[in-house]
């Protein structure tokens, strides 16, 4: 199974960042989870990183273990 994180910025009316955890298996894609993150650049340094880490920790606690991750986020 291939897991891809797709990041889209300002793609909705609320100007929230959208993270899509997308899996591909046998040529078929599935969205496993979404994270909408309000990032108005007013958070203290590191807050957004902590939110994203918490998101993946919760997925791991639900039994989703990732060996590696592909992402299109430039500064990932």
N, C-alpha and C. Protein backbone atom coordinates (compact mmCIF):
# COMPACT_ATOMS: atom_id res chain seq x y z
N UNK A 1 0.85 -1.17 0.00
CA UNK A 1 0.00 0.00 0.00
C UNK A 1 0.89 1.24 0.00
N UNK A 2 0.57 2.18 -0.83
CA UNK A 2 1.29 3.45 -0.94
C UNK A 2 0.48 4.53 -0.24
N UNK A 3 1.12 5.29 0.64
CA UNK A 3 0.45 6.38 1.36
C UNK A 3 1.04 7.70 0.88
N UNK A 4 0.18 8.64 0.53
CA UNK A 4 0.61 9.95 0.05
C UNK A 4 -0.11 11.02 0.86
N UNK A 5 0.60 12.05 1.27
CA UNK A 5 -0.02 13.20 1.92
C UNK A 5 -0.09 14.31 0.89
N UNK A 6 -1.30 14.77 0.65
CA UNK A 6 -1.50 15.83 -0.33
C UNK A 6 -1.86 17.10 0.43
N UNK A 7 -1.09 18.15 0.21
CA UNK A 7 -1.33 19.44 0.89
C UNK A 7 -1.88 20.42 -0.12
N UNK A 8 -2.97 21.06 0.25
CA UNK A 8 -3.56 22.12 -0.58
C UNK A 8 -3.80 23.33 0.30
N UNK A 9 -3.37 24.47 -0.17
CA UNK A 9 -3.51 25.72 0.58
C UNK A 9 -4.56 26.60 -0.09
N UNK A 10 -5.43 27.18 0.70
CA UNK A 10 -6.47 28.10 0.22
C UNK A 10 -7.34 27.49 -0.86
N UNK A 11 -7.74 26.24 -0.68
CA UNK A 11 -8.60 25.59 -1.67
C UNK A 11 -10.05 25.54 -1.22
N UNK A 12 -10.38 26.23 -0.16
CA UNK A 12 -11.75 26.25 0.32
C UNK A 12 -12.12 27.66 0.74
N UNK A 13 -13.39 27.88 1.00
CA UNK A 13 -13.88 29.22 1.34
C UNK A 13 -13.34 29.75 2.66
N UNK A 14 -12.87 28.88 3.52
CA UNK A 14 -12.38 29.30 4.83
C UNK A 14 -10.88 29.54 4.85
N UNK A 15 -10.22 29.39 3.69
CA UNK A 15 -8.78 29.60 3.57
C UNK A 15 -7.98 28.74 4.55
N UNK A 16 -8.43 27.51 4.73
CA UNK A 16 -7.75 26.58 5.62
C UNK A 16 -6.85 25.67 4.79
N UNK A 17 -5.76 25.24 5.39
CA UNK A 17 -4.90 24.26 4.76
C UNK A 17 -5.60 22.91 4.82
N UNK A 18 -5.49 22.13 3.77
CA UNK A 18 -6.11 20.81 3.71
C UNK A 18 -5.02 19.77 3.53
N UNK A 19 -4.98 18.81 4.44
CA UNK A 19 -4.07 17.68 4.34
C UNK A 19 -4.92 16.44 4.09
N UNK A 20 -4.63 15.73 3.01
CA UNK A 20 -5.36 14.54 2.63
C UNK A 20 -4.42 13.35 2.73
N UNK A 21 -4.74 12.41 3.58
CA UNK A 21 -3.97 11.17 3.68
C UNK A 21 -4.60 10.20 2.70
N UNK A 22 -3.87 9.92 1.63
CA UNK A 22 -4.40 9.18 0.48
C UNK A 22 -3.61 7.88 0.34
N UNK A 23 -4.32 6.78 0.19
CA UNK A 23 -3.67 5.48 0.01
C UNK A 23 -4.00 4.94 -1.37
N UNK A 24 -3.03 4.25 -1.95
CA UNK A 24 -3.25 3.56 -3.23
C UNK A 24 -2.91 2.10 -3.06
N UNK A 25 -3.83 1.27 -3.55
CA UNK A 25 -3.62 -0.16 -3.49
C UNK A 25 -4.16 -0.77 -4.78
N UNK A 26 -3.30 -1.50 -5.47
CA UNK A 26 -3.68 -2.13 -6.74
C UNK A 26 -4.26 -1.13 -7.74
N UNK A 27 -3.71 0.07 -7.77
CA UNK A 27 -4.13 1.07 -8.73
C UNK A 27 -5.38 1.85 -8.37
N UNK A 28 -5.95 1.59 -7.20
CA UNK A 28 -7.15 2.29 -6.75
C UNK A 28 -6.81 3.18 -5.57
N UNK A 29 -7.27 4.44 -5.61
CA UNK A 29 -6.97 5.39 -4.55
C UNK A 29 -8.10 5.53 -3.55
N UNK A 30 -7.72 5.74 -2.28
CA UNK A 30 -8.67 5.92 -1.20
C UNK A 30 -8.20 7.06 -0.31
N UNK A 31 -9.09 7.96 0.04
CA UNK A 31 -8.77 8.96 1.05
C UNK A 31 -9.04 8.35 2.41
N UNK A 32 -8.01 8.30 3.24
CA UNK A 32 -8.15 7.69 4.56
C UNK A 32 -8.51 8.70 5.64
N UNK A 33 -8.01 9.92 5.50
CA UNK A 33 -8.26 10.93 6.53
C UNK A 33 -7.98 12.32 5.96
N UNK A 34 -8.66 13.29 6.51
CA UNK A 34 -8.46 14.69 6.14
C UNK A 34 -8.14 15.50 7.39
N UNK A 35 -7.30 16.48 7.24
CA UNK A 35 -7.03 17.44 8.31
C UNK A 35 -7.18 18.83 7.73
N UNK A 36 -8.15 19.58 8.23
CA UNK A 36 -8.27 21.00 7.88
C UNK A 36 -7.57 21.77 8.98
N UNK A 37 -6.65 22.64 8.59
CA UNK A 37 -5.85 23.36 9.57
C UNK A 37 -5.95 24.85 9.30
N UNK A 38 -6.50 25.56 10.27
CA UNK A 38 -6.55 27.02 10.15
C UNK A 38 -5.16 27.55 10.46
N UNK A 39 -4.56 28.14 9.47
CA UNK A 39 -3.20 28.66 9.64
C UNK A 39 -3.20 30.11 9.16
N UNK A 40 -3.56 30.98 10.06
CA UNK A 40 -3.61 32.40 9.71
C UNK A 40 -2.32 33.13 10.07
N UNK A 41 -1.26 32.33 10.28
CA UNK A 41 0.09 32.86 10.56
C UNK A 41 0.16 33.61 11.90
N UNK A 42 -0.85 33.43 12.75
CA UNK A 42 -0.83 34.10 14.05
C UNK A 42 -0.49 33.14 15.18
N UNK A 43 -0.28 31.87 14.86
CA UNK A 43 0.06 30.90 15.88
C UNK A 43 1.50 31.07 16.33
N UNK A 44 1.76 30.64 17.56
CA UNK A 44 3.14 30.63 18.02
C UNK A 44 3.93 29.62 17.20
N UNK A 45 5.21 29.82 17.12
CA UNK A 45 6.08 28.94 16.35
C UNK A 45 5.94 27.49 16.83
N UNK A 46 5.73 26.59 15.89
CA UNK A 46 5.66 25.17 16.23
C UNK A 46 4.27 24.63 16.50
N UNK A 47 3.27 25.48 16.63
CA UNK A 47 1.91 25.01 16.94
C UNK A 47 1.35 24.16 15.80
N UNK A 48 1.50 24.62 14.56
CA UNK A 48 0.98 23.85 13.42
C UNK A 48 1.67 22.49 13.32
N UNK A 49 2.96 22.46 13.57
CA UNK A 49 3.70 21.20 13.55
C UNK A 49 3.16 20.26 14.62
N UNK A 50 2.87 20.76 15.80
CA UNK A 50 2.33 19.94 16.88
C UNK A 50 0.96 19.39 16.51
N UNK A 51 0.13 20.18 15.84
CA UNK A 51 -1.20 19.72 15.43
C UNK A 51 -1.07 18.59 14.41
N UNK A 52 -0.18 18.76 13.43
CA UNK A 52 0.02 17.73 12.42
C UNK A 52 0.59 16.45 13.05
N UNK A 53 1.53 16.59 13.98
CA UNK A 53 2.07 15.43 14.68
C UNK A 53 0.98 14.70 15.46
N UNK A 54 0.12 15.45 16.11
CA UNK A 54 -0.99 14.87 16.87
C UNK A 54 -1.93 14.10 15.94
N UNK A 55 -2.19 14.65 14.77
CA UNK A 55 -3.04 14.01 13.77
C UNK A 55 -2.48 12.63 13.40
N UNK A 56 -1.18 12.57 13.11
CA UNK A 56 -0.58 11.30 12.73
C UNK A 56 -0.44 10.35 13.91
N UNK A 57 -0.26 10.87 15.10
CA UNK A 57 -0.22 10.02 16.29
C UNK A 57 -1.56 9.34 16.50
N UNK A 58 -2.63 10.08 16.32
CA UNK A 58 -3.97 9.49 16.47
C UNK A 58 -4.20 8.39 15.44
N UNK A 59 -3.75 8.61 14.20
CA UNK A 59 -3.89 7.58 13.17
C UNK A 59 -3.07 6.34 13.52
N UNK A 60 -1.86 6.55 14.05
CA UNK A 60 -1.03 5.42 14.47
C UNK A 60 -1.70 4.65 15.60
N UNK A 61 -2.30 5.37 16.54
CA UNK A 61 -2.97 4.73 17.66
C UNK A 61 -4.19 3.93 17.21
N UNK A 62 -4.72 4.27 16.03
CA UNK A 62 -5.84 3.53 15.46
C UNK A 62 -5.37 2.34 14.62
N UNK A 63 -4.06 2.14 14.53
CA UNK A 63 -3.53 0.98 13.84
C UNK A 63 -2.93 1.25 12.48
N UNK A 64 -2.79 2.50 12.07
CA UNK A 64 -2.19 2.83 10.78
C UNK A 64 -0.70 3.11 10.99
N UNK A 65 0.13 2.16 10.62
CA UNK A 65 1.57 2.29 10.78
C UNK A 65 2.19 2.57 9.43
N UNK A 66 2.85 3.70 9.30
CA UNK A 66 3.46 4.13 8.05
C UNK A 66 4.96 3.86 8.09
N UNK A 67 5.46 3.18 7.08
CA UNK A 67 6.90 2.93 6.99
C UNK A 67 7.61 4.14 6.41
N UNK A 68 6.99 4.80 5.45
CA UNK A 68 7.53 6.02 4.88
C UNK A 68 6.37 6.83 4.31
N UNK A 69 6.62 8.09 4.05
CA UNK A 69 5.57 9.02 3.61
C UNK A 69 6.08 9.81 2.41
N UNK A 70 5.25 9.93 1.38
CA UNK A 70 5.49 10.86 0.29
C UNK A 70 4.66 12.11 0.57
N UNK A 71 5.22 13.27 0.35
CA UNK A 71 4.46 14.50 0.54
C UNK A 71 4.84 15.51 -0.52
N UNK A 72 3.91 16.38 -0.85
CA UNK A 72 4.21 17.43 -1.82
C UNK A 72 4.47 18.77 -1.13
N UNK A 73 4.56 18.75 0.18
CA UNK A 73 4.83 19.96 0.95
C UNK A 73 6.30 20.33 0.78
N UNK A 74 6.60 21.49 0.24
CA UNK A 74 7.97 21.86 -0.10
C UNK A 74 8.95 21.80 1.07
N UNK A 75 8.53 22.30 2.22
CA UNK A 75 9.45 22.36 3.35
C UNK A 75 9.19 21.26 4.35
N UNK A 76 8.62 20.12 3.87
CA UNK A 76 8.39 18.98 4.76
C UNK A 76 9.73 18.41 5.14
